[in-house]
Amino acid sequence: MEQQHNRTGRMLTIKKVPFHILLTCTVAGLISFEVNHVTFATPTAQITPDQANVTLEFEKSEYGMERNFPLYEQGPIRYFSAGVGKAERKPQYPAFPLKLIFANDTGSFLAFISVEIRHQDGSLAADIPAKHVTGPWLFVDLEPGVYEIVATNKNGQKVTKHVPIKKDDPLSLPLYWNS
């Protein structure tokens, strides 16, 4: 196994497996290839037993790869960020009541967004720094209630939304900025 850091600083654990490439030349001079013995399965994501990370595993394939996302806590609120690349957007993640999705108005995903979450009475529930939001998705484990979400991009532009969080009714909330 090999450990590497990707461009967002996340630790990757890669299990290397052999695969075969078969090259075939045709009369017309075209080359075709076939990759054997590599199967990509839908990954699963779960909170680690020590409650410190969310682990995304590709265990059902010969490829075998795992990514760890830090699980942060502020008082009773837990959160983690994911969604970089197609592989991180496929799995089923732990059922947190709120999933924030960050993008600009052209649909390009954004990361490194700071997020302030306030209770209905205005008191601060969580102040999530941009360095904790390394992907375009932010999963937040909130108690039921009404919250104000203020998300700020790297240019200081803010997007504010009021959201009701209900028990057993997860909410996906896209937040858009002008590009």
Protein backbone atom coordinates (compact mmCIF):
# COMPACT_ATOMS: atom_id res chain seq x y z
CA MET A 1 0.00 0.00 0.00
CA GLU A 2 1.11 3.52 -0.70
CA GLN A 3 0.02 6.75 0.99
CA GLN A 4 -0.08 10.05 -0.87
CA HIS A 5 -1.61 13.50 -0.42
CA ASN A 6 -3.90 14.74 -3.18
CA ARG A 7 -4.13 18.39 -4.28
CA THR A 8 -6.49 19.28 -1.43
CA GLY A 9 -4.16 17.80 1.19
CA ARG A 10 -6.33 14.74 1.85
CA MET A 11 -4.52 11.50 2.65
CA LEU A 12 -5.06 8.74 0.09
CA THR A 13 -4.24 5.11 0.72
CA ILE A 14 -3.79 3.23 -2.52
CA LYS A 15 -3.61 -0.53 -2.88
CA LYS A 16 -1.74 -1.26 -6.09
CA VAL A 17 -3.00 -4.19 -8.11
CA PRO A 18 -1.77 -5.57 -11.41
CA PHE A 19 -3.77 -5.01 -14.54
CA HIS A 20 -3.15 -5.96 -18.14
CA ILE A 21 -3.41 -3.85 -21.25
CA LEU A 22 -3.87 -5.68 -24.53
CA LEU A 23 -2.93 -3.66 -27.62
CA THR A 24 -4.30 -4.75 -30.97
CA CYS A 25 -3.31 -3.26 -34.33
CA THR A 26 -5.82 -3.37 -37.14
CA VAL A 27 -5.22 -3.31 -40.88
CA ALA A 28 -6.32 0.33 -41.08
CA GLY A 29 -3.55 1.26 -38.64
CA LEU A 30 -5.89 2.06 -35.76
CA ILE A 31 -4.95 0.98 -32.28
CA SER A 32 -7.46 -0.36 -29.83
CA PHE A 33 -6.83 -1.38 -26.24
CA GLU A 34 -8.56 -3.32 -23.55
CA VAL A 35 -7.95 -3.18 -19.80
CA ASN A 36 -8.48 -6.48 -17.99
CA HIS A 37 -8.86 -7.26 -14.29
CA VAL A 38 -9.86 -3.77 -13.12
CA THR A 39 -13.32 -3.30 -11.68
CA PHE A 40 -14.51 -0.01 -10.26
CA ALA A 41 -17.30 -0.44 -7.71
CA THR A 42 -19.50 2.16 -6.08
CA PRO A 43 -17.64 3.30 -2.97
CA THR A 44 -19.08 3.42 0.52
CA ALA A 45 -18.54 6.14 3.12
CA GLN A 46 -18.78 5.72 6.88
CA ILE A 47 -17.69 7.35 10.10
CA THR A 48 -14.63 5.64 11.59
CA PRO A 49 -15.02 3.90 14.97
CA ASP A 50 -12.93 6.60 16.69
CA GLN A 51 -15.35 9.26 15.30
CA ALA A 52 -12.37 11.22 13.88
CA ASN A 53 -12.89 10.72 10.13
CA VAL A 54 -15.31 9.79 7.43
CA THR A 55 -13.72 7.06 5.30
CA LEU A 56 -14.60 6.54 1.67
CA GLU A 57 -13.63 3.01 0.61
CA PHE A 58 -13.40 1.37 -2.78
CA GLU A 59 -13.10 -2.10 -1.24
CA LYS A 60 -15.37 -4.04 -3.61
CA SER A 61 -12.90 -3.85 -6.44
CA GLU A 62 -9.40 -5.01 -7.17
CA TYR A 63 -8.40 -1.34 -7.37
CA GLY A 64 -8.87 -0.84 -3.62
CA MET A 65 -8.53 2.77 -2.52
CA GLU A 66 -9.59 4.69 0.55
CA ARG A 67 -9.91 8.43 1.28
CA ASN A 68 -10.25 9.95 4.72
CA PHE A 69 -12.13 13.17 5.40
CA PRO A 70 -11.63 14.77 8.83
CA LEU A 71 -14.80 14.83 10.92
CA TYR A 72 -14.76 18.14 12.81
CA GLU A 73 -16.75 19.05 15.91
CA GLN A 74 -17.91 22.35 17.36
CA GLY A 75 -19.90 21.63 20.50
CA PRO A 76 -22.65 19.17 19.54
CA ILE A 77 -22.27 19.90 15.80
CA ARG A 78 -20.18 17.61 13.59
CA TYR A 79 -19.29 18.30 9.96
CA PHE A 80 -17.07 17.15 7.10
CA SER A 81 -16.37 18.20 3.52
CA ALA A 82 -16.26 16.02 0.38
CA GLY A 83 -17.26 16.02 -3.28
CA VAL A 84 -13.94 16.56 -5.08
CA GLY A 85 -14.03 14.66 -8.37
CA LYS A 86 -16.57 12.17 -9.66
CA ALA A 87 -15.41 9.39 -7.32
CA GLU A 88 -16.33 11.47 -4.24
CA ARG A 89 -19.73 12.39 -5.67
CA LYS A 90 -20.91 8.78 -6.21
CA PRO A 91 -21.09 7.22 -2.73
CA GLN A 92 -23.79 7.30 -0.12
CA TYR A 93 -22.47 9.39 2.79
CA PRO A 94 -23.53 9.27 6.45
CA ALA A 95 -27.04 10.68 6.87
CA PHE A 96 -26.33 14.17 8.18
CA PRO A 97 -29.40 16.47 8.19
CA LEU A 98 -27.79 19.21 6.05
CA LYS A 99 -25.71 19.00 2.90
CA LEU A 100 -24.50 22.33 1.52
CA ILE A 101 -23.40 22.40 -2.13
CA PHE A 102 -21.14 25.27 -3.23
CA ALA A 103 -21.01 26.43 -6.87
CA ASN A 104 -20.81 29.53 -8.98
CA ASP A 105 -23.60 30.61 -11.32
CA THR A 106 -22.03 28.72 -14.25
CA GLY A 107 -22.27 25.44 -12.31
CA SER A 108 -18.58 25.07 -11.44
CA PHE A 109 -18.10 23.68 -7.96
CA LEU A 110 -16.35 25.78 -5.31
CA ALA A 111 -14.35 24.88 -2.21
CA PHE A 112 -12.70 26.74 0.66
CA ILE A 113 -15.95 28.48 1.63
CA SER A 114 -16.34 29.66 5.23
CA VAL A 115 -19.73 28.94 6.80
CA GLU A 116 -21.44 30.50 9.78
CA ILE A 117 -24.51 28.73 11.16
CA ARG A 118 -26.80 30.59 13.57
CA HIS A 119 -29.78 29.40 15.58
CA GLN A 120 -33.14 31.08 15.00
CA ASP A 121 -32.48 33.35 18.03
CA GLY A 122 -29.26 34.60 16.38
CA SER A 123 -26.83 32.73 18.62
CA LEU A 124 -23.86 31.08 16.92
CA ALA A 125 -24.22 27.31 16.37
CA ALA A 126 -21.00 26.80 14.34
CA ASP A 127 -18.32 28.89 12.66
CA ILE A 128 -16.70 26.65 10.02
CA PRO A 129 -13.41 27.97 8.62
CA ALA A 130 -12.73 27.81 4.88
CA LYS A 131 -9.71 25.54 5.47
CA HIS A 132 -12.12 22.81 6.69
CA VAL A 133 -14.18 23.01 3.48
CA THR A 134 -11.85 21.32 0.99
CA GLY A 135 -14.62 20.18 -1.35
CA PRO A 136 -17.86 21.56 -2.80
CA TRP A 137 -20.01 19.58 -0.36
CA LEU A 138 -20.31 20.26 3.35
CA PHE A 139 -22.25 17.76 5.46
CA VAL A 140 -23.46 19.19 8.79
CA ASP A 141 -25.01 17.20 11.64
CA LEU A 142 -27.56 19.63 13.12
CA GLU A 143 -30.40 19.18 15.58
CA PRO A 144 -33.90 19.96 14.25
CA GLY A 145 -34.67 23.68 14.17
CA VAL A 146 -34.45 26.74 11.95
CA TYR A 147 -30.98 28.04 11.13
CA GLU A 148 -29.43 30.93 9.26
CA ILE A 149 -26.58 29.86 6.98
CA VAL A 150 -24.07 32.52 5.91
CA ALA A 151 -21.48 31.19 3.46
CA THR A 152 -18.59 33.39 2.31
CA ASN A 153 -16.37 32.70 -0.69
CA LYS A 154 -12.68 33.62 -1.01
CA ASN A 155 -13.63 37.04 -2.48
CA GLY A 156 -15.73 37.93 0.56
CA GLN A 157 -19.07 37.51 -1.25
CA LYS A 158 -21.76 36.19 1.08
CA VAL A 159 -24.80 34.02 0.45
CA THR A 160 -27.41 33.84 3.24
CA LYS A 161 -30.21 31.29 3.55
CA HIS A 162 -32.69 30.40 6.30
CA VAL A 163 -33.25 26.66 6.49
CA PRO A 164 -35.57 24.42 8.49
CA ILE A 165 -33.88 21.20 9.64
CA LYS A 166 -36.30 18.38 10.34
CA LYS A 167 -35.68 15.03 12.01
CA ASP A 168 -35.24 12.21 9.45
CA ASP A 169 -35.64 14.62 6.50
CA PRO A 170 -32.16 15.48 5.13
CA LEU A 171 -31.87 18.73 3.19
CA SER A 172 -29.51 19.36 0.25
CA LEU A 173 -29.05 23.10 -0.18
CA PRO A 174 -27.17 24.50 -3.18
CA LEU A 175 -25.55 27.91 -2.63
CA TYR A 176 -24.50 29.90 -5.71
CA TRP A 177 -22.16 32.85 -6.21
CA ASN A 178 -21.88 35.13 -9.24
CA SER A 179 -18.74 34.37 -11.22
